[in-house]
């Protein structure tokens, strides 16, 4: 009596592995792009604190990146960080993946309430290649 798997059983196992791979590989690739996007979000968040402090001490928006006191150094995943009238724009590089180019990134737009001295932030993706699935949850659909 011979022991082993039949050809049909082996083909079923290969088919199941193929189906799982077809689902898992794109999900993993999207996960990798989202994890690289966290560097853009971190850069914007640290600059957000500087812009908020500027608003609260001067009662107006910083005109540019230098006035805000933010770092505009490029990194492996960041092309540029710029502040214009309080609005923070961080652009990614092609190294992020997912079709993102140097014209795609995130933007934080402040709204200042002088009476309470608070700054509220709205987040959105910028650029034609920036898909919602790559953005943080609070930036999606805006």
Protein backbone atom coordinates (compact mmCIF):
# COMPACT_ATOMS: atom_id res chain seq x y z
CA UNK A 1 0.00 0.00 0.00
CA UNK A 2 1.44 3.35 -1.07
CA UNK A 3 1.20 6.44 1.06
CA UNK A 4 1.22 10.06 -0.13
CA UNK A 5 -0.90 12.77 -1.66
CA UNK A 6 -2.81 12.49 -4.89
CA UNK A 7 -2.32 14.97 -7.69
CA UNK A 8 -5.76 16.48 -7.03
CA UNK A 9 -4.94 17.09 -3.36
CA UNK A 10 -1.68 18.81 -4.29
CA UNK A 11 -3.42 20.98 -6.90
CA UNK A 12 -6.01 22.06 -4.32
CA UNK A 13 -3.25 23.08 -1.88
CA UNK A 14 -1.44 25.05 -4.59
CA UNK A 15 -4.71 26.78 -5.57
CA UNK A 16 -5.40 27.74 -1.94
CA UNK A 17 -1.88 29.14 -1.53
CA UNK A 18 -2.29 31.12 -4.77
CA UNK A 19 -5.57 32.65 -3.59
CA UNK A 20 -4.08 33.61 -0.23
CA UNK A 21 -1.06 35.18 -1.93
CA UNK A 22 -3.30 37.15 -4.30
CA UNK A 23 -5.03 38.70 -1.29
CA UNK A 24 -2.04 39.11 1.04
CA UNK A 25 0.53 40.69 -1.31
CA UNK A 26 -1.50 43.83 -2.23
CA UNK A 27 -2.55 44.29 1.41
CA UNK A 28 1.10 44.08 2.49
CA UNK A 29 2.17 46.59 -0.17
CA UNK A 30 -0.49 49.08 1.00
CA UNK A 31 0.65 48.55 4.58
CA UNK A 32 4.25 49.36 3.62
CA UNK A 33 3.19 52.64 1.93
CA UNK A 34 1.11 53.63 4.99
CA UNK A 35 4.03 52.89 7.29
CA UNK A 36 6.31 55.14 5.19
CA UNK A 37 3.65 57.88 5.25
CA UNK A 38 4.04 58.05 9.03
CA UNK A 39 7.31 59.94 8.48
CA UNK A 40 5.38 62.68 6.65
CA UNK A 41 2.79 62.76 9.42
CA UNK A 42 5.50 62.96 12.11
CA UNK A 43 7.24 65.86 10.37
CA UNK A 44 3.93 67.72 10.02
CA UNK A 45 3.00 67.05 13.65
CA UNK A 46 6.22 68.48 15.04
CA UNK A 47 5.80 71.55 12.86
CA UNK A 48 2.16 71.78 13.94
CA UNK A 49 3.30 72.41 17.51
CA UNK A 50 5.56 75.26 16.38
CA UNK A 51 2.80 76.87 14.31
CA UNK A 52 0.33 76.56 17.22
CA UNK A 53 2.78 78.24 19.59
CA UNK A 54 3.33 81.03 17.06
CA UNK A 55 -0.44 81.59 16.80
CA UNK A 56 -0.84 81.68 20.55
CA UNK A 57 2.02 84.10 21.19
CA UNK A 58 1.59 86.44 18.23
CA UNK A 59 -2.12 86.05 17.44
CA UNK A 60 -1.43 85.48 13.74
CA UNK A 61 -0.17 82.79 11.39
CA UNK A 62 3.53 82.44 10.65
CA UNK A 63 4.24 83.65 7.12
CA UNK A 64 6.74 80.96 6.18
CA UNK A 65 8.74 77.95 7.35
CA UNK A 66 11.49 80.03 8.98
CA UNK A 67 9.03 82.17 10.94
CA UNK A 68 7.28 79.02 12.15
CA UNK A 69 10.59 77.53 13.29
CA UNK A 70 10.08 74.29 11.40
CA UNK A 71 12.74 72.11 9.81
CA UNK A 72 12.45 71.76 6.05
CA UNK A 73 15.17 69.12 5.64
CA UNK A 74 14.52 66.48 3.02
CA UNK A 75 14.73 62.80 4.01
CA UNK A 76 14.39 59.47 2.28
CA UNK A 77 10.58 59.80 2.25
CA UNK A 78 10.13 63.60 2.44
CA UNK A 79 10.83 65.91 -0.50
CA UNK A 80 9.96 69.11 1.35
CA UNK A 81 8.11 70.65 4.27
CA UNK A 82 6.77 74.15 3.80
CA UNK A 83 4.67 76.55 5.86
CA UNK A 84 2.68 79.28 4.12
CA UNK A 85 0.38 81.46 6.25
CA UNK A 86 0.20 78.71 8.87
CA UNK A 87 -0.70 75.91 6.44
CA UNK A 88 1.80 73.04 6.62
CA UNK A 89 2.48 71.03 3.46
CA UNK A 90 4.69 67.94 3.52
CA UNK A 91 5.46 66.30 0.17
CA UNK A 92 6.64 62.72 -0.21
CA UNK A 93 9.20 61.09 -2.49
CA UNK A 94 8.85 58.22 -4.93
CA UNK A 95 10.52 56.05 -2.24
CA UNK A 96 7.23 56.03 -0.34
CA UNK A 97 5.75 53.86 -3.11
CA UNK A 98 2.15 53.46 -4.17
CA UNK A 99 2.63 55.80 -7.12
CA UNK A 100 3.34 58.77 -4.84
CA UNK A 101 5.57 61.41 -6.38
CA UNK A 102 7.20 64.67 -5.23
CA UNK A 103 3.90 66.52 -5.79
CA UNK A 104 1.89 64.28 -3.42
CA UNK A 105 1.70 64.53 0.34
CA UNK A 106 -0.35 65.79 3.26
CA UNK A 107 -1.48 69.25 4.24
CA UNK A 108 -2.50 70.56 7.66
CA UNK A 109 -4.69 73.65 7.57
CA UNK A 110 -5.14 75.62 10.82
CA UNK A 111 -8.12 77.63 11.98
CA UNK A 112 -7.35 79.99 14.84
CA UNK A 113 -9.96 81.20 17.34
CA UNK A 114 -8.63 84.38 18.93
CA UNK A 115 -11.26 84.46 21.68
CA UNK A 116 -10.16 81.13 23.13
CA UNK A 117 -6.59 81.08 21.77
CA UNK A 118 -7.09 77.64 20.28
CA UNK A 119 -5.93 76.24 16.96
CA UNK A 120 -7.97 73.55 15.22
CA UNK A 121 -6.34 71.52 12.45
CA UNK A 122 -7.83 70.01 9.31
CA UNK A 123 -5.84 67.37 7.47
CA UNK A 124 -6.06 66.39 3.82
CA UNK A 125 -4.08 64.65 1.13
CA UNK A 126 -2.56 66.69 -1.68
CA UNK A 127 -1.61 65.70 -5.21
CA UNK A 128 -3.27 63.60 -7.85
CA UNK A 129 -1.66 60.30 -6.78
CA UNK A 130 -2.45 60.52 -3.06
CA UNK A 131 -5.10 57.89 -2.31
CA UNK A 132 -7.20 57.96 0.85
CA UNK A 133 -6.03 54.48 1.82
CA UNK A 134 -2.47 55.82 2.31
CA UNK A 135 -3.55 58.68 4.62
CA UNK A 136 -4.05 58.62 8.38
CA UNK A 137 -7.68 58.02 9.39
CA UNK A 138 -8.26 61.68 10.37
CA UNK A 139 -7.14 62.83 6.88
CA UNK A 140 -9.33 60.55 4.79
CA UNK A 141 -12.25 61.83 2.80
CA UNK A 142 -11.55 65.54 3.28
